C-alpha atoms as a PDB file:
ATOM      1  CA  MET A   1     -96.767-153.770  23.892  1.00  0.00           C
ATOM      2  CA  GLU A   2     -97.765-157.159  22.481  1.00  0.00           C
ATOM      3  CA  LYS A   3     -97.815-159.904  25.104  1.00  0.00           C
ATOM      4  CA  GLN A   4     -95.265-162.657  24.525  1.00  0.00           C
ATOM      5  CA  SER A   5     -97.000-165.929  23.654  1.00  0.00           C
ATOM      6  CA  LYS A   6     -95.707-169.061  25.309  1.00  0.00           C
ATOM      7  CA  ILE A   7     -93.626-171.249  23.000  1.00  0.00           C
ATOM      8  CA  ALA A   8     -93.582-175.027  22.614  1.00  0.00           C
ATOM      9  CA  LEU A   9     -90.809-177.032  20.938  1.00  0.00           C
ATOM     10  CA  VAL A  10     -92.116-180.253  19.383  1.00  0.00           C
ATOM     11  CA  THR A  11     -89.579-182.760  18.042  1.00  0.00           C
ATOM     12  CA  GLY A  12     -90.723-184.776  15.041  1.00  0.00           C
ATOM     13  CA  GLY A  13     -93.470-182.262  14.330  1.00  0.00           C
ATOM     14  CA  SER A  14     -93.701-182.590  10.552  1.00  0.00           C
ATOM     15  CA  ARG A  15     -96.228-185.454  10.503  1.00  0.00           C
ATOM     16  CA  GLY A  16     -98.155-187.998  12.550  1.00  0.00           C
ATOM     17  CA  LEU A  17     -98.545-187.446  16.263  1.00  0.00           C
ATOM     18  CA  GLY A  18     -96.072-184.555  16.340  1.00  0.00           C
ATOM     19  CA  LYS A  19     -97.936-182.653  13.615  1.00  0.00           C
ATOM     20  CA  ASP A  20    -101.231-183.012  15.450  1.00  0.00           C
ATOM     21  CA  MET A  21     -99.602-181.941  18.721  1.00  0.00           C
ATOM     22  CA  ALA A  22     -98.126-178.848  17.060  1.00  0.00           C
ATOM     23  CA  LEU A  23    -101.468-177.848  15.522  1.00  0.00           C
ATOM     24  CA  ARG A  24    -103.481-178.432  18.696  1.00  0.00           C
ATOM     25  CA  ILE A  25    -100.940-176.575  20.843  1.00  0.00           C
ATOM     26  CA  ALA A  26    -101.153-173.622  18.434  1.00  0.00           C
ATOM     27  CA  GLU A  27    -104.952-173.694  18.805  1.00  0.00           C
ATOM     28  CA  LYS A  28    -104.387-173.005  22.519  1.00  0.00           C
ATOM     29  CA  GLY A  29    -102.622-169.748  21.606  1.00  0.00           C
ATOM     30  CA  LEU A  30     -99.020-170.932  21.878  1.00  0.00           C
ATOM     31  CA  ASP A  31     -96.316-170.358  19.298  1.00  0.00           C
ATOM     32  CA  VAL A  32     -94.582-173.504  18.037  1.00  0.00           C
ATOM     33  CA  ILE A  33     -91.099-174.529  16.943  1.00  0.00           C
ATOM     34  CA  LEU A  34     -91.077-177.981  15.391  1.00  0.00           C
ATOM     35  CA  THR A  35     -88.208-180.163  14.328  1.00  0.00           C
ATOM     36  CA  TYR A  36     -87.994-182.535  11.394  1.00  0.00           C
ATOM     37  CA  ASN A  37     -85.360-185.048  10.373  1.00  0.00           C
ATOM     38  CA  SER A  38     -85.717-185.158   6.573  1.00  0.00           C
ATOM     39  CA  LYS A  39     -89.223-183.960   5.653  1.00  0.00           C
ATOM     40  CA  ALA A  40     -88.512-180.229   5.224  1.00  0.00           C
ATOM     41  CA  GLU A  41     -91.482-179.561   2.934  1.00  0.00           C
ATOM     42  CA  GLU A  42     -93.921-181.322   5.267  1.00  0.00           C
ATOM     43  CA  ALA A  43     -92.522-179.365   8.218  1.00  0.00           C
ATOM     44  CA  GLN A  44     -92.915-176.075   6.342  1.00  0.00           C
ATOM     45  CA  ALA A  45     -96.524-176.982   5.524  1.00  0.00           C
ATOM     46  CA  VAL A  46     -97.228-177.376   9.252  1.00  0.00           C
ATOM     47  CA  VAL A  47     -95.530-174.022   9.938  1.00  0.00           C
ATOM     48  CA  THR A  48     -97.710-172.367   7.276  1.00  0.00           C
ATOM     49  CA  GLU A  49    -100.875-173.921   8.727  1.00  0.00           C
ATOM     50  CA  ILE A  50    -100.010-172.612  12.207  1.00  0.00           C
ATOM     51  CA  GLU A  51     -99.165-169.149  10.862  1.00  0.00           C
ATOM     52  CA  ASN A  52    -102.415-169.030   8.879  1.00  0.00           C
ATOM     53  CA  ALA A  53    -104.243-169.701  12.149  1.00  0.00           C
ATOM     54  CA  GLY A  54    -102.588-166.652  13.718  1.00  0.00           C
ATOM     55  CA  GLN A  55     -99.649-168.010  15.721  1.00  0.00           C
ATOM     56  CA  LYS A  56     -95.928-167.793  15.061  1.00  0.00           C
ATOM     57  CA  ALA A  57     -94.086-170.954  14.015  1.00  0.00           C
ATOM     58  CA  ALA A  58     -90.715-172.150  12.779  1.00  0.00           C
ATOM     59  CA  ALA A  59     -89.120-175.445  11.717  1.00  0.00           C
ATOM     60  CA  LEU A  60     -85.575-176.630  12.421  1.00  0.00           C
ATOM     61  CA  GLN A  61     -83.772-179.732  11.162  1.00  0.00           C
ATOM     62  CA  LEU A  62     -82.728-182.162  13.891  1.00  0.00           C
ATOM     63  CA  ASP A  63     -81.705-185.811  13.974  1.00  0.00           C
ATOM     64  CA  THR A  64     -82.599-186.725  17.555  1.00  0.00           C
ATOM     65  CA  GLY A  65     -80.394-189.811  17.326  1.00  0.00           C
ATOM     66  CA  ASN A  66     -77.254-187.747  16.617  1.00  0.00           C
ATOM     67  CA  ILE A  67     -76.446-186.519  20.116  1.00  0.00           C
ATOM     68  CA  LYS A  68     -73.262-184.765  18.988  1.00  0.00           C
ATOM     69  CA  SER A  69     -75.370-182.426  16.842  1.00  0.00           C
ATOM     70  CA  PHE A  70     -77.334-181.102  19.827  1.00  0.00           C
ATOM     71  CA  ASP A  71     -74.963-178.259  20.730  1.00  0.00           C
ATOM     72  CA  GLY A  72     -75.253-176.885  17.193  1.00  0.00           C
ATOM     73  CA  PHE A  73     -79.023-177.307  17.295  1.00  0.00           C
ATOM     74  CA  ILE A  74     -79.263-175.389  20.579  1.00  0.00           C
ATOM     75  CA  GLU A  75     -77.321-172.507  19.000  1.00  0.00           C
ATOM     76  CA  GLN A  76     -79.740-172.515  16.040  1.00  0.00           C
ATOM     77  CA  LEU A  77     -82.660-172.603  18.450  1.00  0.00           C
ATOM     78  CA  LYS A  78     -81.325-169.577  20.344  1.00  0.00           C
ATOM     79  CA  GLN A  79     -81.036-167.662  17.073  1.00  0.00           C
ATOM     80  CA  VAL A  80     -84.575-168.546  15.952  1.00  0.00           C
ATOM     81  CA  LEU A  81     -85.991-167.620  19.361  1.00  0.00           C
ATOM     82  CA  LYS A  82     -84.310-164.236  19.101  1.00  0.00           C
ATOM     83  CA  ASP A  83     -84.976-163.492  15.426  1.00  0.00           C
ATOM     84  CA  LYS A  84     -88.506-164.859  14.981  1.00  0.00           C
ATOM     85  CA  PHE A  85     -90.007-164.811  18.456  1.00  0.00           C
ATOM     86  CA  GLY A  86     -88.184-161.889  20.082  1.00  0.00           C
ATOM     87  CA  THR A  87     -87.211-163.844  23.164  1.00  0.00           C
ATOM     88  CA  GLU A  88     -84.407-165.959  24.610  1.00  0.00           C
ATOM     89  CA  LYS A  89     -86.353-168.867  26.079  1.00  0.00           C
ATOM     90  CA  PHE A  90     -89.230-171.238  25.430  1.00  0.00           C
ATOM     91  CA  ASP A  91     -91.796-172.823  27.720  1.00  0.00           C
ATOM     92  CA  PHE A  92     -92.605-176.415  26.756  1.00  0.00           C
ATOM     93  CA  LEU A  93     -90.458-179.234  25.373  1.00  0.00           C
ATOM     94  CA  LEU A  94     -92.260-182.176  23.770  1.00  0.00           C
ATOM     95  CA  ASN A  95     -89.938-185.100  23.040  1.00  0.00           C
ATOM     96  CA  ASN A  96     -91.994-186.805  20.353  1.00  0.00           C
ATOM     97  CA  ALA A  97     -89.572-187.747  17.528  1.00  0.00           C
ATOM     98  CA  GLY A  98     -89.153-191.458  17.000  1.00  0.00           C
ATOM     99  CA  PHE A  99     -89.498-194.551  14.855  1.00  0.00           C
ATOM    100  CA  GLY A 100     -90.552-198.136  15.454  1.00  0.00           C
ATOM    101  CA  ARG A 101     -88.891-201.482  14.934  1.00  0.00           C
ATOM    102  CA  ASN A 102     -90.501-204.890  15.382  1.00  0.00           C
ATOM    103  CA  ASN A 103     -88.171-207.831  15.920  1.00  0.00           C
ATOM    104  CA  PRO A 104     -88.199-210.781  18.313  1.00  0.00           C
ATOM    105  CA  ILE A 105     -85.558-210.707  21.045  1.00  0.00           C
ATOM    106  CA  ALA A 106     -83.764-213.641  19.370  1.00  0.00           C
ATOM    107  CA  ASP A 107     -83.279-211.628  16.160  1.00  0.00           C
ATOM    108  CA  PHE A 108     -82.482-208.166  17.501  1.00  0.00           C
ATOM    109  CA  THR A 109     -79.087-206.845  16.401  1.00  0.00           C
ATOM    110  CA  GLU A 110     -76.921-204.572  18.515  1.00  0.00           C
ATOM    111  CA  GLU A 111     -76.897-202.016  15.700  1.00  0.00           C
ATOM    112  CA  ALA A 112     -80.704-201.884  15.574  1.00  0.00           C
ATOM    113  CA  PHE A 113     -80.817-201.686  19.378  1.00  0.00           C
ATOM    114  CA  ASP A 114     -78.396-198.747  19.424  1.00  0.00           C
ATOM    115  CA  GLU A 115     -80.383-196.846  16.775  1.00  0.00           C
ATOM    116  CA  LEU A 116     -83.510-197.157  18.919  1.00  0.00           C
ATOM    117  CA  LEU A 117     -81.597-196.300  22.084  1.00  0.00           C
ATOM    118  CA  ASN A 118     -80.104-193.115  20.616  1.00  0.00           C
ATOM    119  CA  VAL A 119     -83.450-191.728  19.450  1.00  0.00           C
ATOM    120  CA  HIS A 120     -85.811-192.975  22.139  1.00  0.00           C
ATOM    121  CA  PHE A 121     -83.769-192.644  25.298  1.00  0.00           C
ATOM    122  CA  LYS A 122     -80.279-191.168  24.965  1.00  0.00           C
ATOM    123  CA  GLY A 123     -81.505-188.464  22.590  1.00  0.00           C
ATOM    124  CA  VAL A 124     -84.452-187.616  24.843  1.00  0.00           C
ATOM    125  CA  TYR A 125     -82.191-187.484  27.904  1.00  0.00           C
ATOM    126  CA  PHE A 126     -79.528-185.212  26.439  1.00  0.00           C
ATOM    127  CA  LEU A 127     -81.781-182.955  24.350  1.00  0.00           C
ATOM    128  CA  THR A 128     -83.746-182.317  27.534  1.00  0.00           C
ATOM    129  CA  GLN A 129     -80.531-181.721  29.488  1.00  0.00           C
ATOM    130  CA  LYS A 130     -79.234-179.232  26.908  1.00  0.00           C
ATOM    131  CA  SER A 131     -82.610-177.452  26.785  1.00  0.00           C
ATOM    132  CA  LEU A 132     -82.847-176.816  30.521  1.00  0.00           C
ATOM    133  CA  GLY A 133     -81.040-173.470  30.301  1.00  0.00           C
ATOM    134  CA  LEU A 134     -83.517-172.272  27.664  1.00  0.00           C
ATOM    135  CA  LEU A 135     -86.674-173.471  29.420  1.00  0.00           C
ATOM    136  CA  ASN A 136     -88.636-170.852  31.301  1.00  0.00           C
ATOM    137  CA  ASP A 137     -89.410-171.518  34.955  1.00  0.00           C
ATOM    138  CA  GLY A 138     -93.033-172.573  35.268  1.00  0.00           C
ATOM    139  CA  GLY A 139     -92.932-174.400  31.931  1.00  0.00           C
ATOM    140  CA  GLY A 140     -93.172-178.086  31.213  1.00  0.00           C
ATOM    141  CA  ILE A 141     -91.770-181.203  29.570  1.00  0.00           C
ATOM    142  CA  VAL A 142     -93.919-183.818  27.834  1.00  0.00           C
ATOM    143  CA  ASN A 143     -92.282-187.116  26.946  1.00  0.00           C
ATOM    144  CA  ILE A 144     -93.940-189.650  24.678  1.00  0.00           C
ATOM    145  CA  SER A 145     -93.991-193.249  25.846  1.00  0.00           C
ATOM    146  CA  SER A 146     -96.210-196.139  24.744  1.00  0.00           C
ATOM    147  CA  GLY A 147     -98.926-198.458  25.954  1.00  0.00           C
ATOM    148  CA  LEU A 148     -96.273-201.148  25.400  1.00  0.00           C
ATOM    149  CA  THR A 149     -94.709-200.321  28.777  1.00  0.00           C
ATOM    150  CA  ARG A 150     -97.897-201.627  30.453  1.00  0.00           C
ATOM    151  CA  PHE A 151     -98.766-204.558  28.194  1.00  0.00           C
ATOM    152  CA  SER A 152     -96.374-206.742  26.207  1.00  0.00           C
ATOM    153  CA  VAL A 153     -96.563-207.426  22.479  1.00  0.00           C
ATOM    154  CA  PRO A 154     -93.949-209.810  21.013  1.00  0.00           C
ATOM    155  CA  GLY A 155     -91.432-207.987  18.821  1.00  0.00           C
ATOM    156  CA  SER A 156     -91.523-204.753  20.813  1.00  0.00           C
ATOM    157  CA  SER A 157     -89.029-205.611  23.565  1.00  0.00           C
ATOM    158  CA  ALA A 158     -86.339-203.046  22.701  1.00  0.00           C
ATOM    159  CA  TYR A 159     -88.688-200.184  21.831  1.00  0.00           C
ATOM    160  CA  ALA A 160     -90.797-200.727  24.944  1.00  0.00           C
ATOM    161  CA  SER A 161     -87.703-200.960  27.137  1.00  0.00           C
ATOM    162  CA  MET A 162     -86.501-197.539  25.899  1.00  0.00           C
ATOM    163  CA  LYS A 163     -89.935-196.103  26.622  1.00  0.00           C
ATOM    164  CA  GLY A 164     -89.850-197.615  30.101  1.00  0.00           C
ATOM    165  CA  ALA A 165     -86.560-195.830  30.691  1.00  0.00           C
ATOM    166  CA  VAL A 166     -88.107-192.535  29.516  1.00  0.00           C
ATOM    167  CA  GLU A 167     -90.952-193.003  32.009  1.00  0.00           C
ATOM    168  CA  VAL A 168     -88.490-193.327  34.893  1.00  0.00           C
ATOM    169  CA  PHE A 169     -86.475-190.364  33.573  1.00  0.00           C
ATOM    170  CA  THR A 170     -89.644-188.256  33.464  1.00  0.00           C
ATOM    171  CA  ARG A 171     -90.342-188.820  37.151  1.00  0.00           C
ATOM    172  CA  TYR A 172     -86.787-187.731  37.957  1.00  0.00           C
ATOM    173  CA  LEU A 173     -87.251-184.608  35.818  1.00  0.00           C
ATOM    174  CA  ALA A 174     -90.390-183.762  37.795  1.00  0.00           C
ATOM    175  CA  LYS A 175     -88.498-184.162  41.063  1.00  0.00           C
ATOM    176  CA  GLU A 176     -85.344-182.259  40.094  1.00  0.00           C
ATOM    177  CA  LEU A 177     -87.096-179.450  38.203  1.00  0.00           C
ATOM    178  CA  GLY A 178     -89.932-178.990  40.688  1.00  0.00           C
ATOM    179  CA  PRO A 179     -88.107-176.110  42.450  1.00  0.00           C
ATOM    180  CA  ARG A 180     -88.250-174.225  39.115  1.00  0.00           C
ATOM    181  CA  GLY A 181     -91.970-174.894  38.736  1.00  0.00           C
ATOM    182  CA  ILE A 182     -91.311-177.059  35.664  1.00  0.00           C
ATOM    183  CA  ARG A 183     -93.664-180.015  35.318  1.00  0.00           C
ATOM    184  CA  ALA A 184     -92.774-183.271  33.550  1.00  0.00           C
ATOM    185  CA  ASN A 185     -95.366-185.749  32.314  1.00  0.00           C
ATOM    186  CA  ILE A 186     -95.727-188.729  30.001  1.00  0.00           C
ATOM    187  CA  ILE A 187     -98.249-189.424  27.267  1.00  0.00           C
ATOM    188  CA  ALA A 188     -98.464-193.130  26.452  1.00  0.00           C
ATOM    189  CA  PRO A 189    -100.428-193.715  23.229  1.00  0.00           C
ATOM    190  CA  GLY A 190    -101.904-197.074  22.351  1.00  0.00           C
ATOM    191  CA  ALA A 191    -101.847-198.420  18.795  1.00  0.00           C
ATOM    192  CA  ILE A 192    -102.158-195.494  16.372  1.00  0.00           C
ATOM    193  CA  ALA A 193    -102.783-195.595  12.612  1.00  0.00           C
ATOM    194  CA  THR A 194    -100.019-193.265  11.346  1.00  0.00           C
ATOM    195  CA  ASP A 195     -96.902-193.619   9.170  1.00  0.00           C
ATOM    196  CA  PHE A 196     -95.022-194.766  12.295  1.00  0.00           C
ATOM    197  CA  ASN A 197     -93.117-198.048  11.898  1.00  0.00           C
ATOM    198  CA  ASP A 198     -93.810-198.087   8.151  1.00  0.00           C
ATOM    199  CA  ALA A 199     -97.564-197.665   8.827  1.00  0.00           C
ATOM    200  CA  HIS A 200     -97.759-201.332   9.825  1.00  0.00           C
ATOM    201  CA  ILE A 201    -101.108-200.897  11.610  1.00  0.00           C
ATOM    202  CA  ARG A 202    -102.764-198.850   8.886  1.00  0.00           C
ATOM    203  CA  LYS A 203    -101.586-201.255   6.172  1.00  0.00           C
ATOM    204  CA  SER A 204    -102.858-204.411   7.903  1.00  0.00           C
ATOM    205  CA  GLU A 205    -106.598-205.093   8.037  1.00  0.00           C
ATOM    206  CA  GLU A 206    -105.923-208.087  10.298  1.00  0.00           C
ATOM    207  CA  LEU A 207    -103.915-205.974  12.769  1.00  0.00           C
ATOM    208  CA  THR A 208    -106.549-203.227  12.724  1.00  0.00           C
ATOM    209  CA  LYS A 209    -109.253-205.784  13.611  1.00  0.00           C
ATOM    210  CA  MET A 210    -107.106-207.280  16.358  1.00  0.00           C
ATOM    211  CA  VAL A 211    -106.354-203.887  17.955  1.00  0.00           C
ATOM    212  CA  SER A 212    -110.016-202.865  17.707  1.00  0.00           C
ATOM    213  CA  SER A 213    -111.092-206.090  19.417  1.00  0.00           C
ATOM    214  CA  ILE A 214    -108.865-205.506  22.472  1.00  0.00           C
ATOM    215  CA  THR A 215    -109.715-201.799  22.791  1.00  0.00           C
ATOM    216  CA  ALA A 216    -112.684-200.820  24.947  1.00  0.00           C
ATOM    217  CA  LEU A 217    -113.743-198.072  22.521  1.00  0.00           C
ATOM    218  CA  GLY A 218    -113.587-200.565  19.649  1.00  0.00           C
ATOM    219  CA  ARG A 219    -111.246-198.953  17.142  1.00  0.00           C
ATOM    220  CA  VAL A 220    -107.616-198.135  16.352  1.00  0.00           C
ATOM    221  CA  GLY A 221    -106.336-194.749  17.570  1.00  0.00           C
ATOM    222  CA  LEU A 222    -105.718-191.782  15.280  1.00  0.00           C
ATOM    223  CA  ALA A 223    -103.124-188.993  15.509  1.00  0.00           C
ATOM    224  CA  GLU A 224    -106.009-186.608  16.251  1.00  0.00           C
ATOM    225  CA  ASP A 225    -106.740-188.573  19.452  1.00  0.00           C
ATOM    226  CA  ILE A 226    -103.363-187.619  20.955  1.00  0.00           C
ATOM    227  CA  GLY A 227    -102.622-183.979  20.106  1.00  0.00           C
ATOM    228  CA  GLY A 228    -105.284-182.508  22.361  1.00  0.00           C
ATOM    229  CA  VAL A 229    -103.836-184.274  25.394  1.00  0.00           C
ATOM    230  CA  ALA A 230    -100.408-182.798  24.650  1.00  0.00           C
ATOM    231  CA  ALA A 231    -101.998-179.363  24.240  1.00  0.00           C
ATOM    232  CA  PHE A 232    -103.755-179.752  27.594  1.00  0.00           C
ATOM    233  CA  LEU A 233    -100.423-180.526  29.297  1.00  0.00           C
ATOM    234  CA  CYS A 234     -99.058-177.275  27.827  1.00  0.00           C
ATOM    235  CA  SER A 235    -101.903-175.254  29.313  1.00  0.00           C
ATOM    236  CA  GLU A 236    -102.644-173.591  32.628  1.00  0.00           C
ATOM    237  CA  ASP A 237    -105.425-176.159  33.141  1.00  0.00           C
ATOM    238  CA  ALA A 238    -102.679-178.767  33.706  1.00  0.00           C
ATOM    239  CA  ARG A 239    -100.680-176.684  36.196  1.00  0.00           C
ATOM    240  CA  TRP A 240    -101.107-179.287  38.974  1.00  0.00           C
ATOM    241  CA  VAL A 241    -100.490-182.344  36.789  1.00  0.00           C
ATOM    242  CA  ASN A 242     -96.935-183.524  37.380  1.00  0.00           C
ATOM    243  CA  ALA A 243     -94.927-186.776  37.168  1.00  0.00           C
ATOM    244  CA  GLN A 244     -97.928-188.548  35.621  1.00  0.00           C
ATOM    245  CA  ARG A 245     -98.208-191.228  32.944  1.00  0.00           C
ATOM    246  CA  ILE A 246    -101.358-190.535  30.949  1.00  0.00           C
ATOM    247  CA  GLU A 247    -102.256-193.474  28.735  1.00  0.00           C
ATOM    248  CA  VAL A 248    -104.237-192.428  25.672  1.00  0.00           C
ATOM    249  CA  SER A 249    -105.243-195.763  24.180  1.00  0.00           C
ATOM    250  CA  GLY A 250    -109.046-195.904  24.130  1.00  0.00           C
ATOM    251  CA  GLY A 251    -108.812-198.559  26.831  1.00  0.00           C
ATOM    252  CA  MET A 252    -106.483-201.129  25.272  1.00  0.00           C
ATOM    253  CA  MET A 253    -106.213-204.385  27.172  1.00  0.00           C
ATOM    254  CA  VAL A 254    -108.045-203.088  30.272  1.00  0.00           C
END
């Protein structure tokens, strides 16, 4: 009988950091379910790439800011687990989906604040809560934070505050889920040149130079710098890593 591969669920896995996480996790021999908000074709391309490399994969639509849609998503997830993976549970949840917004505190609207809150904290909290019954004991949760919780950059107050809340939440997950052998950790990327926040780093030569100058390794981060760390946290090598914030920033502002 074929041994059941472990399964990771990566939110926002159609591009950027989430895509690289999904691909690197698959390289470790895990099957992957990724979610996308609107980029169905991009998500399917990632699924195809994983399948071509010999692992199972699937993509599901999910707006992580629409908390009321989570019950329906969980039902879809159960069906996909059964139909495509021949199981009822998965092993690793990676809460990666997100978007950026840069505004000074004086200009931040309540509407913009709530949009960030729903995706970056409330959505993470309740998607994790609703996934607990489907998570295998001995599995893990990886939440994505930001270097901006350690150092302050004007315009990032709301986004960084949500990420700070996720960091505290992650430590509580580690404590409450420890009896089930479920680990919870945080990856905190530094500045990364992706499409995130309208690709504002990649589009600005001045910003790229500035980030490079305050980074010990002398360059801006890439999506490929992050995925391997997520894959490590979904491996047996990380079995004793729990309740940790791992900053992956090349040494920004050290």
